[in-house]
Each structure stands twice: as C-alpha cells, then as structure tokens.
Amino acid sequence: AFFGLATFCFGVTVFEQQRKTTKNGRWYM
C-alpha cells in the first residue's frame, strides 16, 4: 500500500512536468 502511494506521488511529479495549464485545482495533489 505504501509503495503504491509512493509510486502515485512520483508519478504526479512526472505528470506535472508535462502539464501545460496550471489554472485549475489539482485533485491528485
């Protein structure tokens, strides 16, 4: 469970690098 959560968090870091717009709220954060 904890390693799965860590994978999700680091995946968010990669996704944010490629995200173009930052105006809307981030549910994944």
PDB file of all heavy atoms in Angstrom:
ATOM      1  N   ALA A   1       0.827  -1.211   0.000  1.00  0.00           N
ATOM      2  CA  ALA A   1       0.000   0.000   0.000  1.00  0.00           C
ATOM      3  C   ALA A   1       0.859   1.258   0.000  1.00  0.00           C
ATOM      4  O   ALA A   1       0.620   2.197  -0.775  1.00  0.00           O
ATOM      5  CB  ALA A   1      -0.934  -0.014   1.203  1.00  0.00           C
ATOM      6  N   PHE A   2       1.869   1.297   0.859  1.00  0.00           N
ATOM      7  CA  PHE A   2       2.703   2.499   0.950  1.00  0.00           C
ATOM      8  C   PHE A   2       3.586   2.668  -0.286  1.00  0.00           C
ATOM      9  O   PHE A   2       3.771   3.793  -0.763  1.00  0.00           O
ATOM     10  CB  PHE A   2       3.571   2.444   2.215  1.00  0.00           C
ATOM     11  CG  PHE A   2       2.827   2.804   3.459  1.00  0.00           C
ATOM     12  CD1 PHE A   2       2.633   1.864   4.465  1.00  0.00           C
ATOM     13  CD2 PHE A   2       2.303   4.073   3.643  1.00  0.00           C
ATOM     14  CE1 PHE A   2       1.947   2.192   5.617  1.00  0.00           C
ATOM     15  CE2 PHE A   2       1.610   4.407   4.795  1.00  0.00           C
ATOM     16  CZ  PHE A   2       1.424   3.463   5.783  1.00  0.00           C
ATOM     17  N   PHE A   3       4.108   1.592  -0.815  1.00  0.00           N
ATOM     18  CA  PHE A   3       4.902   1.706  -2.045  1.00  0.00           C
ATOM     19  C   PHE A   3       4.025   2.100  -3.226  1.00  0.00           C
ATOM     20  O   PHE A   3       4.465   2.810  -4.137  1.00  0.00           O
ATOM     21  CB  PHE A   3       5.629   0.390  -2.329  1.00  0.00           C
ATOM     22  CG  PHE A   3       6.834   0.170  -1.472  1.00  0.00           C
ATOM     23  CD1 PHE A   3       7.482  -1.047  -1.449  1.00  0.00           C
ATOM     24  CD2 PHE A   3       7.333   1.190  -0.673  1.00  0.00           C
ATOM     25  CE1 PHE A   3       8.605  -1.257  -0.651  1.00  0.00           C
ATOM     26  CE2 PHE A   3       8.443   1.010   0.126  1.00  0.00           C
ATOM     27  CZ  PHE A   3       9.080  -0.219   0.139  1.00  0.00           C
ATOM     28  N   GLY A   4       2.760   1.654  -3.207  1.00  0.00           N
ATOM     29  CA  GLY A   4       1.826   2.074  -4.249  1.00  0.00           C
ATOM     30  C   GLY A   4       1.551   3.568  -4.178  1.00  0.00           C
ATOM     31  O   GLY A   4       1.492   4.241  -5.217  1.00  0.00           O
ATOM     32  N   LEU A   5       1.388   4.093  -2.961  1.00  0.00           N
ATOM     33  CA  LEU A   5       1.185   5.526  -2.798  1.00  0.00           C
ATOM     34  C   LEU A   5       2.418   6.303  -3.244  1.00  0.00           C
ATOM     35  O   LEU A   5       2.302   7.365  -3.886  1.00  0.00           O
ATOM     36  CB  LEU A   5       0.857   5.855  -1.333  1.00  0.00           C
ATOM     37  CG  LEU A   5       0.695   7.344  -0.996  1.00  0.00           C
ATOM     38  CD1 LEU A   5      -0.432   7.975  -1.811  1.00  0.00           C
ATOM     39  CD2 LEU A   5       0.444   7.531   0.496  1.00  0.00           C
ATOM     40  N   ALA A   6       3.601   5.800  -2.926  1.00  0.00           N
ATOM     41  CA  ALA A   6       4.835   6.461  -3.351  1.00  0.00           C
ATOM     42  C   ALA A   6       4.928   6.513  -4.874  1.00  0.00           C
ATOM     43  O   ALA A   6       5.329   7.540  -5.454  1.00  0.00           O
ATOM     44  CB  ALA A   6       6.044   5.731  -2.770  1.00  0.00           C
ATOM     45  N   THR A   7       4.544   5.430  -5.533  1.00  0.00           N
ATOM     46  CA  THR A   7       4.551   5.408  -6.996  1.00  0.00           C
ATOM     47  C   THR A   7       3.606   6.461  -7.560  1.00  0.00           C
ATOM     48  O   THR A   7       3.923   7.160  -8.536  1.00  0.00           O
ATOM     49  CB  THR A   7       4.143   4.015  -7.500  1.00  0.00           C
ATOM     50  OG1 THR A   7       5.046   3.033  -6.965  1.00  0.00           O
ATOM     51  CG2 THR A   7       4.173   3.965  -9.017  1.00  0.00           C
ATOM     52  N   PHE A   8       2.436   6.590  -6.943  1.00  0.00           N
ATOM     53  CA  PHE A   8       1.472   7.599  -7.386  1.00  0.00           C
ATOM     54  C   PHE A   8       2.037   9.007  -7.227  1.00  0.00           C
ATOM     55  O   PHE A   8       1.908   9.851  -8.130  1.00  0.00           O
ATOM     56  CB  PHE A   8       0.182   7.453  -6.582  1.00  0.00           C
ATOM     57  CG  PHE A   8      -0.830   8.530  -6.837  1.00  0.00           C
ATOM     58  CD1 PHE A   8      -1.613   8.515  -7.979  1.00  0.00           C
ATOM     59  CD2 PHE A   8      -0.994   9.580  -5.937  1.00  0.00           C
ATOM     60  CE1 PHE A   8      -2.549   9.519  -8.217  1.00  0.00           C
ATOM     61  CE2 PHE A   8      -1.917  10.585  -6.160  1.00  0.00           C
ATOM     62  CZ  PHE A   8      -2.703  10.551  -7.313  1.00  0.00           C
ATOM     63  N   CYS A   9       2.671   9.285  -6.092  1.00  0.00           N
ATOM     64  CA  CYS A   9       3.213  10.627  -5.826  1.00  0.00           C
ATOM     65  C   CYS A   9       4.324  10.977  -6.805  1.00  0.00           C
ATOM     66  O   CYS A   9       4.367  12.097  -7.355  1.00  0.00           O
ATOM     67  CB  CYS A   9       3.732  10.702  -4.385  1.00  0.00           C
ATOM     68  SG  CYS A   9       2.451  10.556  -3.124  1.00  0.00           S
ATOM     69  N   PHE A  10       5.220  10.045  -7.046  1.00  0.00           N
ATOM     70  CA  PHE A  10       6.297  10.319  -8.001  1.00  0.00           C
ATOM     71  C   PHE A  10       5.757  10.410  -9.424  1.00  0.00           C
ATOM     72  O   PHE A  10       6.296  11.146 -10.266  1.00  0.00           O
ATOM     73  CB  PHE A  10       7.381   9.253  -7.898  1.00  0.00           C
ATOM     74  CG  PHE A  10       8.152   9.303  -6.613  1.00  0.00           C
ATOM     75  CD1 PHE A  10       8.267   8.183  -5.800  1.00  0.00           C
ATOM     76  CD2 PHE A  10       8.746  10.488  -6.200  1.00  0.00           C
ATOM     77  CE1 PHE A  10       8.976   8.246  -4.614  1.00  0.00           C
ATOM     78  CE2 PHE A  10       9.455  10.563  -5.013  1.00  0.00           C
ATOM     79  CZ  PHE A  10       9.566   9.423  -4.207  1.00  0.00           C
ATOM     80  N   GLY A  11       4.672   9.674  -9.686  1.00  0.00           N
ATOM     81  CA  GLY A  11       4.032   9.796 -10.988  1.00  0.00           C
ATOM     82  C   GLY A  11       3.432  11.176 -11.196  1.00  0.00           C
ATOM     83  O   GLY A  11       3.456  11.721 -12.312  1.00  0.00           O
ATOM     84  N   VAL A  12       2.902  11.770 -10.129  1.00  0.00           N
ATOM     85  CA  VAL A  12       2.378  13.136 -10.198  1.00  0.00           C
ATOM     86  C   VAL A  12       3.489  14.112 -10.541  1.00  0.00           C
ATOM     87  O   VAL A  12       3.287  15.063 -11.316  1.00  0.00           O
ATOM     88  CB  VAL A  12       1.711  13.515  -8.857  1.00  0.00           C
ATOM     89  CG1 VAL A  12       1.422  15.012  -8.802  1.00  0.00           C
ATOM     90  CG2 VAL A  12       0.429  12.718  -8.669  1.00  0.00           C
ATOM     91  N   THR A  13       4.683  13.884  -9.998  1.00  0.00           N
ATOM     92  CA  THR A  13       5.818  14.760 -10.290  1.00  0.00           C
ATOM     93  C   THR A  13       6.146  14.757 -11.786  1.00  0.00           C
ATOM     94  O   THR A  13       6.389  15.809 -12.392  1.00  0.00           O
ATOM     95  CB  THR A  13       7.048  14.298  -9.491  1.00  0.00           C
ATOM     96  OG1 THR A  13       6.728  14.267  -8.101  1.00  0.00           O
ATOM     97  CG2 THR A  13       8.213  15.249  -9.711  1.00  0.00           C
ATOM     98  N   VAL A  14       6.123  13.576 -12.387  1.00  0.00           N
ATOM     99  CA  VAL A  14       6.393  13.472 -13.826  1.00  0.00           C
ATOM    100  C   VAL A  14       5.251  14.092 -14.627  1.00  0.00           C
ATOM    101  O   VAL A  14       5.485  14.808 -15.618  1.00  0.00           O
ATOM    102  CB  VAL A  14       6.585  11.993 -14.218  1.00  0.00           C
ATOM    103  CG1 VAL A  14       6.790  11.861 -15.731  1.00  0.00           C
ATOM    104  CG2 VAL A  14       7.758  11.397 -13.460  1.00  0.00           C
ATOM    105  N   PHE A  15       4.023  13.847 -14.214  1.00  0.00           N
ATOM    106  CA  PHE A  15       2.867  14.394 -14.920  1.00  0.00           C
ATOM    107  C   PHE A  15       2.870  15.915 -14.901  1.00  0.00           C
ATOM    108  O   PHE A  15       2.539  16.559 -15.911  1.00  0.00           O
ATOM    109  CB  PHE A  15       1.586  13.854 -14.285  1.00  0.00           C
ATOM    110  CG  PHE A  15       0.330  14.460 -14.842  1.00  0.00           C
ATOM    111  CD1 PHE A  15      -0.158  14.074 -16.083  1.00  0.00           C
ATOM    112  CD2 PHE A  15      -0.364  15.422 -14.125  1.00  0.00           C
ATOM    113  CE1 PHE A  15      -1.306  14.645 -16.598  1.00  0.00           C
ATOM    114  CE2 PHE A  15      -1.525  15.996 -14.632  1.00  0.00           C
ATOM    115  CZ  PHE A  15      -1.991  15.601 -15.876  1.00  0.00           C
ATOM    116  N   GLU A  16       3.248  16.518 -13.756  1.00  0.00           N
ATOM    117  CA  GLU A  16       3.277  17.974 -13.646  1.00  0.00           C
ATOM    118  C   GLU A  16       4.308  18.586 -14.584  1.00  0.00           C
ATOM    119  O   GLU A  16       4.126  19.694 -15.081  1.00  0.00           O
ATOM    120  CB  GLU A  16       3.578  18.392 -12.203  1.00  0.00           C
ATOM    121  CG  GLU A  16       2.368  18.461 -11.310  1.00  0.00           C
ATOM    122  CD  GLU A  16       1.396  19.548 -11.735  1.00  0.00           C
ATOM    123  OE1 GLU A  16       1.844  20.684 -12.014  1.00  0.00           O
ATOM    124  OE2 GLU A  16       0.188  19.274 -11.804  1.00  0.00           O
ATOM    125  N   GLN A  17       5.384  17.870 -14.828  1.00  0.00           N
ATOM    126  CA  GLN A  17       6.415  18.392 -15.711  1.00  0.00           C
ATOM    127  C   GLN A  17       5.904  18.534 -17.136  1.00  0.00           C
ATOM    128  O   GLN A  17       6.323  19.434 -17.869  1.00  0.00           O
ATOM    129  CB  GLN A  17       7.640  17.458 -15.681  1.00  0.00           C
ATOM    130  CG  GLN A  17       8.836  17.972 -16.444  1.00  0.00           C
ATOM    131  CD  GLN A  17       9.383  19.271 -15.861  1.00  0.00           C
ATOM    132  OE1 GLN A  17       9.351  19.478 -14.649  1.00  0.00           O
ATOM    133  NE2 GLN A  17       9.896  20.146 -16.724  1.00  0.00           N
ATOM    134  N   GLN A  18       4.946  17.681 -17.507  1.00  0.00           N
ATOM    135  CA  GLN A  18       4.414  17.707 -18.862  1.00  0.00           C
ATOM    136  C   GLN A  18       3.097  18.456 -18.963  1.00  0.00           C
ATOM    137  O   GLN A  18       2.595  18.655 -20.073  1.00  0.00           O
ATOM    138  CB  GLN A  18       4.217  16.267 -19.363  1.00  0.00           C
ATOM    139  CG  GLN A  18       5.500  15.442 -19.370  1.00  0.00           C
ATOM    140  CD  GLN A  18       5.261  13.997 -19.751  1.00  0.00           C
ATOM    141  OE1 GLN A  18       4.120  13.561 -19.869  1.00  0.00           O
ATOM    142  NE2 GLN A  18       6.346  13.256 -19.951  1.00  0.00           N
ATOM    143  N   ARG A  19       2.539  18.859 -17.850  1.00  0.00           N
ATOM    144  CA  ARG A  19       1.248  19.543 -17.854  1.00  0.00           C
ATOM    145  C   ARG A  19       1.427  20.976 -18.365  1.00  0.00           C
ATOM    146  O   ARG A  19       2.347  21.684 -17.947  1.00  0.00           O
ATOM    147  CB  ARG A  19       0.653  19.552 -16.461  1.00  0.00           C
ATOM    148  CG  ARG A  19      -0.800  20.021 -16.410  1.00  0.00           C
ATOM    149  CD  ARG A  19      -1.284  20.063 -14.976  1.00  0.00           C
ATOM    150  NE  ARG A  19      -2.718  20.331 -14.920  1.00  0.00           N
ATOM    151  CZ  ARG A  19      -3.308  21.025 -13.971  1.00  0.00           C
ATOM    152  NH1 ARG A  19      -2.592  21.531 -12.986  1.00  0.00           N
ATOM    153  NH2 ARG A  19      -4.608  21.200 -13.979  1.00  0.00           N
ATOM    154  N   LYS A  20       0.535  21.418 -19.224  1.00  0.00           N
ATOM    155  CA  LYS A  20       0.655  22.736 -19.837  1.00  0.00           C
ATOM    156  C   LYS A  20      -0.069  23.815 -19.039  1.00  0.00           C
ATOM    157  O   LYS A  20       0.457  24.897 -18.834  1.00  0.00           O
ATOM    158  CB  LYS A  20       0.126  22.695 -21.273  1.00  0.00           C
ATOM    159  CG  LYS A  20       0.930  21.790 -22.194  1.00  0.00           C
ATOM    160  CD  LYS A  20       0.368  21.808 -23.605  1.00  0.00           C
ATOM    161  CE  LYS A  20       1.186  20.907 -24.522  1.00  0.00           C
ATOM    162  NZ  LYS A  20       0.661  20.895 -25.906  1.00  0.00           N
ATOM    163  N   THR A  21      -1.281  23.546 -18.588  1.00  0.00           N
ATOM    164  CA  THR A  21      -2.056  24.546 -17.861  1.00  0.00           C
ATOM    165  C   THR A  21      -1.982  24.295 -16.363  1.00  0.00           C
ATOM    166  O   THR A  21      -1.907  23.143 -15.925  1.00  0.00           O
ATOM    167  CB  THR A  21      -3.531  24.538 -18.305  1.00  0.00           C
ATOM    168  OG1 THR A  21      -4.263  25.468 -17.526  1.00  0.00           O
ATOM    169  CG2 THR A  21      -4.158  23.159 -18.111  1.00  0.00           C
ATOM    170  N   THR A  22      -1.991  25.384 -15.574  1.00  0.00           N
ATOM    171  CA  THR A  22      -1.937  25.275 -14.107  1.00  0.00           C
ATOM    172  C   THR A  22      -3.025  26.097 -13.448  1.00  0.00           C
ATOM    173  O   THR A  22      -2.914  26.473 -12.287  1.00  0.00           O
ATOM    174  CB  THR A  22      -0.558  25.736 -13.591  1.00  0.00           C
ATOM    175  OG1 THR A  22      -0.361  27.110 -13.977  1.00  0.00           O
ATOM    176  CG2 THR A  22       0.556  24.879 -14.128  1.00  0.00           C
ATOM    177  N   LYS A  23      -4.077  26.399 -14.174  1.00  0.00           N
ATOM    178  CA  LYS A  23      -5.117  27.276 -13.641  1.00  0.00           C
ATOM    179  C   LYS A  23      -6.104  26.540 -12.744  1.00  0.00           C
ATOM    180  O   LYS A  23      -6.652  27.104 -11.813  1.00  0.00           O
ATOM    181  CB  LYS A  23      -5.859  27.952 -14.797  1.00  0.00           C
ATOM    182  CG  LYS A  23      -4.994  28.912 -15.596  1.00  0.00           C
ATOM    183  CD  LYS A  23      -5.801  29.588 -16.689  1.00  0.00           C
ATOM    184  CE  LYS A  23      -4.928  30.560 -17.481  1.00  0.00           C
ATOM    185  NZ  LYS A  23      -5.693  31.241 -18.555  1.00  0.00           N
ATOM    186  N   ASN A  24      -6.372  25.293 -13.045  1.00  0.00           N
ATOM    187  CA  ASN A  24      -7.369  24.554 -12.298  1.00  0.00           C
ATOM    188  C   ASN A  24      -6.755  23.877 -11.083  1.00  0.00           C
ATOM    189  O   ASN A  24      -5.550  23.646 -11.008  1.00  0.00           O
ATOM    190  CB  ASN A  24      -8.025  23.497 -13.197  1.00  0.00           C
ATOM    191  CG  ASN A  24      -8.726  24.137 -14.395  1.00  0.00           C
ATOM    192  OD1 ASN A  24      -9.294  25.222 -14.273  1.00  0.00           O
ATOM    193  ND2 ASN A  24      -8.668  23.469 -15.533  1.00  0.00           N
ATOM    194  N   GLY A  25      -7.640  23.519 -10.101  1.00  0.00           N
ATOM    195  CA  GLY A  25      -7.177  22.808  -8.920  1.00  0.00           C
ATOM    196  C   GLY A  25      -6.719  21.402  -9.268  1.00  0.00           C
ATOM    197  O   GLY A  25      -7.129  20.811 -10.267  1.00  0.00           O
ATOM    198  N   ARG A  26      -5.838  20.859  -8.470  1.00  0.00           N
ATOM    199  CA  ARG A  26      -5.251  19.551  -8.738  1.00  0.00           C
ATOM    200  C   ARG A  26      -5.778  18.548  -7.716  1.00  0.00           C
ATOM    201  O   ARG A  26      -5.318  18.506  -6.573  1.00  0.00           O
ATOM    202  CB  ARG A  26      -3.730  19.650  -8.666  1.00  0.00           C
ATOM    203  CG  ARG A  26      -3.093  20.631  -9.648  1.00  0.00           C
ATOM    204  CD  ARG A  26      -1.636  20.799  -9.300  1.00  0.00           C
ATOM    205  NE  ARG A  26      -0.893  21.550 -10.301  1.00  0.00           N
ATOM    206  CZ  ARG A  26      -0.783  22.880 -10.288  1.00  0.00           C
ATOM    207  NH1 ARG A  26      -1.407  23.597  -9.355  1.00  0.00           N
ATOM    208  NH2 ARG A  26      -0.061  23.499 -11.200  1.00  0.00           N
ATOM    209  N   TRP A  27      -6.706  17.707  -8.124  1.00  0.00           N
ATOM    210  CA  TRP A  27      -7.261  16.707  -7.222  1.00  0.00           C
ATOM    211  C   TRP A  27      -6.197  15.689  -6.825  1.00  0.00           C
ATOM    212  O   TRP A  27      -6.197  15.168  -5.703  1.00  0.00           O
ATOM    213  CB  TRP A  27      -8.439  15.983  -7.882  1.00  0.00           C
ATOM    214  CG  TRP A  27      -8.050  15.141  -9.061  1.00  0.00           C
ATOM    215  CD1 TRP A  27      -8.063  15.509 -10.362  1.00  0.00           C
ATOM    216  CD2 TRP A  27      -7.561  13.795  -9.022  1.00  0.00           C
ATOM    217  NE1 TRP A  27      -7.625  14.471 -11.157  1.00  0.00           N
ATOM    218  CE2 TRP A  27      -7.319  13.401 -10.366  1.00  0.00           C
ATOM    219  CE3 TRP A  27      -7.316  12.887  -8.006  1.00  0.00           C
ATOM    220  CZ2 TRP A  27      -6.829  12.143 -10.697  1.00  0.00           C
ATOM    221  CZ3 TRP A  27      -6.828  11.619  -8.334  1.00  0.00           C
ATOM    222  CH2 TRP A  27      -6.596  11.261  -9.657  1.00  0.00           C
ATOM    223  N   TYR A  28      -5.285  15.398  -7.743  1.00  0.00           N
ATOM    224  CA  TYR A  28      -4.261  14.394  -7.470  1.00  0.00           C
ATOM    225  C   TYR A  28      -3.251  14.880  -6.427  1.00  0.00           C
ATOM    226  O   TYR A  28      -2.600  14.067  -5.777  1.00  0.00           O
ATOM    227  CB  TYR A  28      -3.542  13.975  -8.764  1.00  0.00           C
ATOM    228  CG  TYR A  28      -3.140  15.132  -9.648  1.00  0.00           C
ATOM    229  CD1 TYR A  28      -1.942  15.814  -9.440  1.00  0.00           C
ATOM    230  CD2 TYR A  28      -3.955  15.536 -10.695  1.00  0.00           C
ATOM    231  CE1 TYR A  28      -1.567  16.858 -10.247  1.00  0.00           C
ATOM    232  CE2 TYR A  28      -3.578  16.591 -11.517  1.00  0.00           C
ATOM    233  CZ  TYR A  28      -2.393  17.247 -11.297  1.00  0.00           C
ATOM    234  OH  TYR A  28      -2.022  18.300 -12.101  1.00  0.00           O
ATOM    235  N   MET A  29      -3.124  16.188  -6.286  1.00  0.00           N
ATOM    236  CA  MET A  29      -2.286  16.705  -5.211  1.00  0.00           C
ATOM    237  C   MET A  29      -3.025  16.641  -3.882  1.00  0.00           C
ATOM    238  O   MET A  29      -2.465  16.266  -2.849  1.00  0.00           O
ATOM    239  CB  MET A  29      -1.874  18.149  -5.504  1.00  0.00           C
ATOM    240  CG  MET A  29      -1.087  18.782  -4.375  1.00  0.00           C
ATOM    241  SD  MET A  29      -0.791  20.534  -4.648  1.00  0.00           S
ATOM    242  CE  MET A  29      -0.245  21.033  -3.008  1.00  0.00           C
TER     243      MET A  29
END
